[in-house]
N, C-alpha and C. Protein backbone atom coordinates (compact mmCIF):
# COMPACT_ATOMS: atom_id res chain seq x y z
N MET A 1 0.86 -1.16 0.00
CA MET A 1 0.00 0.00 0.00
C MET A 1 0.91 1.23 0.00
N ASN A 2 0.64 2.16 -0.92
CA ASN A 2 1.49 3.34 -1.00
C ASN A 2 1.08 4.41 0.03
N LYS A 3 1.92 5.43 0.15
CA LYS A 3 1.71 6.46 1.16
C LYS A 3 0.41 7.23 0.94
N LYS A 4 0.08 7.52 -0.29
CA LYS A 4 -1.15 8.26 -0.62
C LYS A 4 -2.39 7.45 -0.19
N MET A 5 -2.37 6.17 -0.43
CA MET A 5 -3.49 5.31 -0.07
C MET A 5 -3.66 5.26 1.44
N LYS A 6 -2.53 5.18 2.19
CA LYS A 6 -2.59 5.17 3.64
C LYS A 6 -3.20 6.47 4.17
N GLN A 7 -2.85 7.60 3.54
CA GLN A 7 -3.41 8.89 3.95
C GLN A 7 -4.92 8.93 3.72
N VAL A 8 -5.37 8.42 2.59
CA VAL A 8 -6.79 8.39 2.27
C VAL A 8 -7.54 7.53 3.29
N ILE A 9 -6.98 6.38 3.63
CA ILE A 9 -7.61 5.49 4.62
C ILE A 9 -7.65 6.17 5.99
N MET A 10 -6.56 6.84 6.37
CA MET A 10 -6.51 7.52 7.67
C MET A 10 -7.54 8.64 7.74
N VAL A 11 -7.64 9.45 6.71
CA VAL A 11 -8.63 10.54 6.68
C VAL A 11 -10.04 9.97 6.73
N GLY A 12 -10.28 8.91 6.00
CA GLY A 12 -11.60 8.27 6.02
C GLY A 12 -11.95 7.71 7.38
N THR A 13 -10.99 7.08 8.03
CA THR A 13 -11.22 6.51 9.35
C THR A 13 -11.50 7.60 10.37
N VAL A 14 -10.72 8.67 10.36
CA VAL A 14 -10.94 9.78 11.29
C VAL A 14 -12.29 10.44 11.03
N SER A 15 -12.64 10.64 9.76
CA SER A 15 -13.93 11.24 9.42
C SER A 15 -15.08 10.38 9.91
N LEU A 16 -14.97 9.07 9.75
CA LEU A 16 -16.00 8.15 10.22
C LEU A 16 -16.11 8.20 11.75
N ALA A 17 -14.98 8.30 12.41
CA ALA A 17 -15.00 8.40 13.88
C ALA A 17 -15.72 9.67 14.33
N PHE A 18 -15.49 10.79 13.63
CA PHE A 18 -16.18 12.03 13.96
C PHE A 18 -17.69 11.87 13.77
N LEU A 19 -18.09 11.23 12.71
CA LEU A 19 -19.51 11.04 12.44
C LEU A 19 -20.17 10.14 13.47
N VAL A 20 -19.50 9.07 13.84
CA VAL A 20 -20.07 8.09 14.76
C VAL A 20 -20.17 8.65 16.17
N THR A 21 -19.14 9.36 16.63
CA THR A 21 -19.12 9.83 18.01
C THR A 21 -19.51 11.28 18.15
N GLY A 22 -19.89 11.92 17.10
CA GLY A 22 -20.16 13.36 17.11
C GLY A 22 -21.31 13.79 17.98
N CYS A 23 -22.45 13.15 17.88
CA CYS A 23 -23.59 13.60 18.68
C CYS A 23 -24.54 12.44 18.95
N ALA A 24 -25.33 12.64 19.98
CA ALA A 24 -26.31 11.62 20.36
C ALA A 24 -27.50 12.31 20.98
N SER A 25 -28.64 11.67 20.88
CA SER A 25 -29.83 12.21 21.53
C SER A 25 -30.54 11.07 22.25
N THR A 26 -31.28 11.45 23.29
CA THR A 26 -32.02 10.47 24.06
C THR A 26 -33.29 11.11 24.58
N GLY A 27 -34.31 10.29 24.78
CA GLY A 27 -35.55 10.80 25.33
C GLY A 27 -36.69 10.76 24.34
N ASN A 28 -37.68 11.58 24.61
CA ASN A 28 -38.90 11.59 23.82
C ASN A 28 -38.76 12.55 22.64
N GLU A 29 -38.62 11.99 21.45
CA GLU A 29 -38.43 12.77 20.22
C GLU A 29 -39.58 13.74 19.95
N SER A 30 -40.76 13.46 20.50
CA SER A 30 -41.92 14.29 20.18
C SER A 30 -41.79 15.72 20.71
N ILE A 31 -40.89 15.97 21.67
CA ILE A 31 -40.72 17.35 22.16
C ILE A 31 -39.45 18.01 21.63
N ARG A 32 -38.74 17.34 20.76
CA ARG A 32 -37.47 17.87 20.21
C ARG A 32 -37.62 19.30 19.70
N ALA A 33 -38.64 19.56 18.89
CA ALA A 33 -38.79 20.87 18.26
C ALA A 33 -39.76 21.79 19.00
N GLU A 34 -40.23 21.37 20.16
CA GLU A 34 -41.22 22.18 20.89
C GLU A 34 -40.57 23.36 21.61
N SER A 35 -41.35 24.43 21.76
CA SER A 35 -40.94 25.62 22.50
C SER A 35 -42.13 26.07 23.34
N GLY A 36 -41.95 27.09 24.12
CA GLY A 36 -43.06 27.62 24.91
C GLY A 36 -44.25 28.01 24.03
N ASP A 37 -43.96 28.63 22.89
CA ASP A 37 -45.03 29.07 21.99
C ASP A 37 -45.76 27.89 21.35
N THR A 38 -45.01 26.87 20.91
CA THR A 38 -45.68 25.74 20.24
C THR A 38 -46.50 24.94 21.24
N ILE A 39 -45.99 24.79 22.47
CA ILE A 39 -46.74 24.07 23.50
C ILE A 39 -48.01 24.85 23.86
N LYS A 40 -47.89 26.17 23.95
CA LYS A 40 -49.05 27.02 24.28
C LYS A 40 -50.17 26.86 23.25
N SER A 41 -49.79 26.61 22.01
CA SER A 41 -50.81 26.43 20.96
C SER A 41 -51.42 25.03 20.99
N LYS A 42 -50.81 24.10 21.73
CA LYS A 42 -51.29 22.71 21.77
C LYS A 42 -51.97 22.34 23.09
N ILE A 43 -51.52 22.95 24.20
CA ILE A 43 -52.06 22.61 25.52
C ILE A 43 -52.71 23.85 26.13
N GLU A 44 -53.95 23.67 26.58
CA GLU A 44 -54.65 24.76 27.26
C GLU A 44 -55.02 24.30 28.67
N GLU A 45 -54.50 25.02 29.66
CA GLU A 45 -54.80 24.68 31.05
C GLU A 45 -56.30 24.75 31.29
N GLY A 46 -56.84 23.74 31.96
CA GLY A 46 -58.26 23.68 32.26
C GLY A 46 -59.12 23.13 31.14
N LYS A 47 -58.49 22.77 30.02
CA LYS A 47 -59.26 22.30 28.86
C LYS A 47 -58.70 21.02 28.23
N THR A 48 -57.41 20.96 27.99
CA THR A 48 -56.78 19.82 27.31
C THR A 48 -56.83 18.58 28.21
N THR A 49 -57.20 17.45 27.64
CA THR A 49 -57.33 16.21 28.41
C THR A 49 -56.03 15.41 28.40
N GLN A 50 -55.95 14.47 29.32
CA GLN A 50 -54.80 13.56 29.40
C GLN A 50 -54.68 12.76 28.10
N ALA A 51 -55.80 12.33 27.55
CA ALA A 51 -55.78 11.56 26.30
C ALA A 51 -55.25 12.42 25.15
N GLN A 52 -55.58 13.70 25.13
CA GLN A 52 -55.08 14.59 24.07
C GLN A 52 -53.57 14.79 24.20
N VAL A 53 -53.08 14.94 25.43
CA VAL A 53 -51.64 15.09 25.65
C VAL A 53 -50.92 13.84 25.17
N GLN A 54 -51.47 12.67 25.50
CA GLN A 54 -50.84 11.43 25.07
C GLN A 54 -50.87 11.30 23.55
N ALA A 55 -51.94 11.73 22.92
CA ALA A 55 -52.01 11.69 21.45
C ALA A 55 -50.97 12.62 20.82
N LEU A 56 -50.71 13.75 21.46
CA LEU A 56 -49.73 14.71 20.95
C LEU A 56 -48.29 14.25 21.14
N PHE A 57 -47.98 13.73 22.33
CA PHE A 57 -46.59 13.49 22.70
C PHE A 57 -46.25 12.04 23.03
N GLY A 58 -47.23 11.16 23.01
CA GLY A 58 -46.98 9.76 23.34
C GLY A 58 -46.88 9.54 24.83
N ALA A 59 -46.31 8.42 25.20
CA ALA A 59 -46.15 8.07 26.62
C ALA A 59 -45.11 8.98 27.26
N PRO A 60 -45.33 9.40 28.50
CA PRO A 60 -44.34 10.25 29.18
C PRO A 60 -43.08 9.48 29.54
N THR A 61 -41.99 10.21 29.71
CA THR A 61 -40.73 9.62 30.15
C THR A 61 -40.87 9.11 31.58
N SER A 62 -41.59 9.86 32.42
CA SER A 62 -41.84 9.43 33.79
C SER A 62 -43.18 9.98 34.27
N THR A 63 -43.72 9.33 35.29
CA THR A 63 -44.99 9.72 35.89
C THR A 63 -44.80 9.78 37.39
N SER A 64 -45.39 10.79 38.03
CA SER A 64 -45.35 10.90 39.49
C SER A 64 -46.68 11.46 39.98
N PHE A 65 -46.81 11.56 41.30
CA PHE A 65 -48.05 12.04 41.90
C PHE A 65 -47.74 13.06 42.99
N THR A 66 -48.61 14.05 43.13
CA THR A 66 -48.47 15.01 44.23
C THR A 66 -49.01 14.37 45.51
N ASP A 67 -48.80 15.03 46.64
CA ASP A 67 -49.33 14.54 47.92
C ASP A 67 -50.85 14.41 47.89
N SER A 68 -51.49 15.28 47.10
CA SER A 68 -52.95 15.25 47.04
C SER A 68 -53.47 14.30 45.95
N GLY A 69 -52.56 13.58 45.28
CA GLY A 69 -52.98 12.57 44.31
C GLY A 69 -53.08 13.02 42.87
N LEU A 70 -52.65 14.25 42.56
CA LEU A 70 -52.68 14.71 41.17
C LEU A 70 -51.53 14.04 40.40
N GLU A 71 -51.81 13.68 39.15
CA GLU A 71 -50.81 12.98 38.34
C GLU A 71 -49.95 13.98 37.57
N ILE A 72 -48.66 13.70 37.53
CA ILE A 72 -47.71 14.56 36.81
C ILE A 72 -46.97 13.72 35.78
N TRP A 73 -47.03 14.16 34.53
CA TRP A 73 -46.29 13.49 33.45
C TRP A 73 -45.10 14.37 33.09
N THR A 74 -43.95 13.73 32.90
CA THR A 74 -42.74 14.44 32.49
C THR A 74 -42.22 13.84 31.19
N TYR A 75 -41.97 14.71 30.22
CA TYR A 75 -41.35 14.33 28.95
C TYR A 75 -39.98 15.00 28.93
N SER A 76 -38.96 14.28 28.50
CA SER A 76 -37.64 14.89 28.40
C SER A 76 -36.94 14.45 27.13
N PHE A 77 -36.09 15.34 26.63
CA PHE A 77 -35.30 15.07 25.43
C PHE A 77 -33.95 15.75 25.62
N THR A 78 -32.86 15.00 25.40
CA THR A 78 -31.51 15.54 25.53
C THR A 78 -30.73 15.29 24.25
N LYS A 79 -30.05 16.33 23.79
CA LYS A 79 -29.18 16.20 22.62
C LYS A 79 -27.78 16.63 23.04
N MET A 80 -26.80 15.74 22.82
CA MET A 80 -25.42 15.99 23.24
C MET A 80 -24.47 15.88 22.04
N SER A 81 -23.40 16.67 22.09
CA SER A 81 -22.33 16.61 21.10
C SER A 81 -21.00 16.57 21.82
N ALA A 82 -20.09 15.77 21.30
CA ALA A 82 -18.76 15.68 21.92
C ALA A 82 -18.03 17.00 21.75
N ASP A 83 -17.36 17.45 22.82
CA ASP A 83 -16.56 18.67 22.77
C ASP A 83 -15.23 18.37 22.07
N ALA A 84 -14.54 19.41 21.63
CA ALA A 84 -13.30 19.26 20.85
C ALA A 84 -12.26 18.40 21.56
N ILE A 85 -12.14 18.52 22.88
CA ILE A 85 -11.11 17.76 23.62
C ILE A 85 -11.31 16.25 23.46
N SER A 86 -12.53 15.84 23.20
CA SER A 86 -12.82 14.42 23.06
C SER A 86 -12.21 13.81 21.80
N TYR A 87 -11.78 14.66 20.87
CA TYR A 87 -11.20 14.17 19.61
C TYR A 87 -9.68 14.17 19.61
N VAL A 88 -9.06 14.62 20.71
CA VAL A 88 -7.60 14.65 20.78
C VAL A 88 -7.12 13.28 21.24
N PRO A 89 -6.36 12.58 20.37
CA PRO A 89 -5.89 11.24 20.75
C PRO A 89 -5.09 11.27 22.05
N ILE A 90 -5.19 10.24 22.80
CA ILE A 90 -4.54 10.01 24.08
C ILE A 90 -5.11 10.92 25.17
N VAL A 91 -5.22 12.22 24.91
CA VAL A 91 -5.78 13.15 25.89
C VAL A 91 -7.19 12.72 26.26
N ASN A 92 -7.98 12.27 25.26
CA ASN A 92 -9.37 11.89 25.53
C ASN A 92 -9.50 10.67 26.44
N MET A 93 -8.42 9.89 26.58
CA MET A 93 -8.45 8.76 27.51
C MET A 93 -8.47 9.25 28.96
N PHE A 94 -7.85 10.40 29.20
CA PHE A 94 -7.76 10.94 30.55
C PHE A 94 -8.93 11.85 30.89
N GLY A 95 -9.55 12.43 29.89
CA GLY A 95 -10.70 13.29 30.16
C GLY A 95 -11.30 13.82 28.88
N GLY A 96 -12.58 13.68 28.78
CA GLY A 96 -13.31 14.20 27.64
C GLY A 96 -14.62 14.78 28.14
N SER A 97 -15.33 15.42 27.25
CA SER A 97 -16.61 15.97 27.67
C SER A 97 -17.53 16.11 26.46
N SER A 98 -18.79 16.19 26.77
CA SER A 98 -19.79 16.49 25.75
C SER A 98 -20.75 17.49 26.36
N SER A 99 -21.37 18.27 25.50
CA SER A 99 -22.31 19.27 25.98
C SER A 99 -23.49 19.33 25.03
N GLY A 100 -24.56 19.90 25.53
CA GLY A 100 -25.76 19.99 24.71
C GLY A 100 -26.89 20.63 25.49
N THR A 101 -28.11 20.25 25.12
CA THR A 101 -29.29 20.82 25.76
C THR A 101 -30.24 19.72 26.21
N ARG A 102 -30.95 20.00 27.30
CA ARG A 102 -31.97 19.10 27.81
C ARG A 102 -33.27 19.89 27.84
N LYS A 103 -34.30 19.31 27.27
CA LYS A 103 -35.61 19.93 27.25
C LYS A 103 -36.56 19.07 28.06
N SER A 104 -37.40 19.71 28.90
CA SER A 104 -38.36 18.99 29.73
C SER A 104 -39.73 19.64 29.61
N LEU A 105 -40.74 18.82 29.44
CA LEU A 105 -42.13 19.25 29.47
C LEU A 105 -42.78 18.53 30.63
N VAL A 106 -43.33 19.29 31.58
CA VAL A 106 -43.98 18.73 32.76
C VAL A 106 -45.45 19.15 32.71
N VAL A 107 -46.34 18.15 32.81
CA VAL A 107 -47.78 18.40 32.73
C VAL A 107 -48.45 17.81 33.98
N MET A 108 -49.20 18.64 34.69
CA MET A 108 -49.93 18.18 35.87
C MET A 108 -51.42 18.16 35.56
N PHE A 109 -52.04 17.01 35.87
CA PHE A 109 -53.47 16.82 35.59
C PHE A 109 -54.27 16.90 36.89
N ASP A 110 -55.50 17.43 36.80
CA ASP A 110 -56.39 17.44 37.97
C ASP A 110 -57.05 16.06 38.12
N LYS A 111 -57.93 15.93 39.06
CA LYS A 111 -58.56 14.62 39.34
C LYS A 111 -59.47 14.15 38.20
N LYS A 112 -59.84 15.06 37.29
CA LYS A 112 -60.69 14.70 36.15
C LYS A 112 -59.86 14.45 34.88
N ASN A 113 -58.52 14.35 35.06
CA ASN A 113 -57.58 14.12 33.95
C ASN A 113 -57.57 15.25 32.93
N ILE A 114 -57.72 16.47 33.42
CA ILE A 114 -57.62 17.69 32.61
C ILE A 114 -56.33 18.40 33.03
N VAL A 115 -55.63 18.99 32.07
CA VAL A 115 -54.39 19.70 32.38
C VAL A 115 -54.68 20.85 33.34
N GLN A 116 -54.03 20.79 34.49
CA GLN A 116 -54.17 21.87 35.47
C GLN A 116 -53.05 22.90 35.27
N ARG A 117 -51.81 22.40 35.08
CA ARG A 117 -50.65 23.27 34.85
C ARG A 117 -49.66 22.53 33.97
N TYR A 118 -48.82 23.29 33.29
CA TYR A 118 -47.72 22.70 32.53
C TYR A 118 -46.57 23.69 32.47
N SER A 119 -45.39 23.18 32.19
CA SER A 119 -44.23 24.04 31.96
C SER A 119 -43.27 23.33 31.02
N ILE A 120 -42.55 24.12 30.25
CA ILE A 120 -41.50 23.57 29.38
C ILE A 120 -40.24 24.37 29.66
N ASN A 121 -39.14 23.64 29.82
CA ASN A 121 -37.85 24.26 30.13
C ASN A 121 -36.77 23.67 29.24
N GLU A 122 -35.78 24.48 28.93
CA GLU A 122 -34.62 24.02 28.19
C GLU A 122 -33.39 24.54 28.90
N SER A 123 -32.40 23.66 29.13
CA SER A 123 -31.19 24.06 29.83
C SER A 123 -29.97 23.43 29.19
N GLU A 124 -28.84 24.08 29.40
CA GLU A 124 -27.56 23.57 28.92
C GLU A 124 -27.08 22.47 29.87
N VAL A 125 -26.51 21.40 29.31
CA VAL A 125 -25.97 20.32 30.12
C VAL A 125 -24.57 19.94 29.64
N THR A 126 -23.76 19.43 30.57
CA THR A 126 -22.40 18.99 30.26
C THR A 126 -22.17 17.65 30.93
N GLN A 127 -21.48 16.76 30.23
CA GLN A 127 -21.13 15.46 30.79
C GLN A 127 -19.64 15.25 30.60
N LYS A 128 -18.95 14.93 31.67
CA LYS A 128 -17.50 14.71 31.62
C LYS A 128 -17.21 13.24 31.81
N THR A 129 -16.19 12.75 31.11
CA THR A 129 -15.80 11.34 31.19
C THR A 129 -14.29 11.24 31.32
N GLY A 130 -13.81 10.07 31.64
CA GLY A 130 -12.37 9.83 31.67
C GLY A 130 -11.81 9.75 33.08
N LEU A 131 -10.56 9.41 33.17
CA LEU A 131 -9.89 9.18 34.44
C LEU A 131 -9.78 10.44 35.30
N LEU A 132 -9.60 11.60 34.67
CA LEU A 132 -9.40 12.84 35.44
C LEU A 132 -10.69 13.51 35.84
N ASN A 133 -11.83 13.03 35.37
CA ASN A 133 -13.11 13.65 35.65
C ASN A 133 -13.97 12.84 36.62
N ARG A 134 -13.36 12.08 37.46
CA ARG A 134 -14.12 11.24 38.40
C ARG A 134 -14.33 11.96 39.69
């Protein structure tokens, strides 16, 4: 194998590694593109039913209850991308990181399964990995 061919293979391998490890997402895809305005147009407090919320967003990521027995559904979606340090050979073994955004939609239903309150939040998140980040 000549030098030019080795360079082409190396560039291809590195490019593939960037594509494979570049970004990841987890959670409920149905809220990926949602914002306060889009949710406001879909959910109306005191009117929207639990069945309508499920039809819009599917099953919640988690369910909980208040002390008084009201049901709370939480939807979450996280999108992460590896930071530049994660691509530096050898250095990434000792410490790497990824950053991105986490979006959460929380819906509380009254005893008649009608939306009582809801909120949507988006925040920046960071995850560190490696021997030096423990």
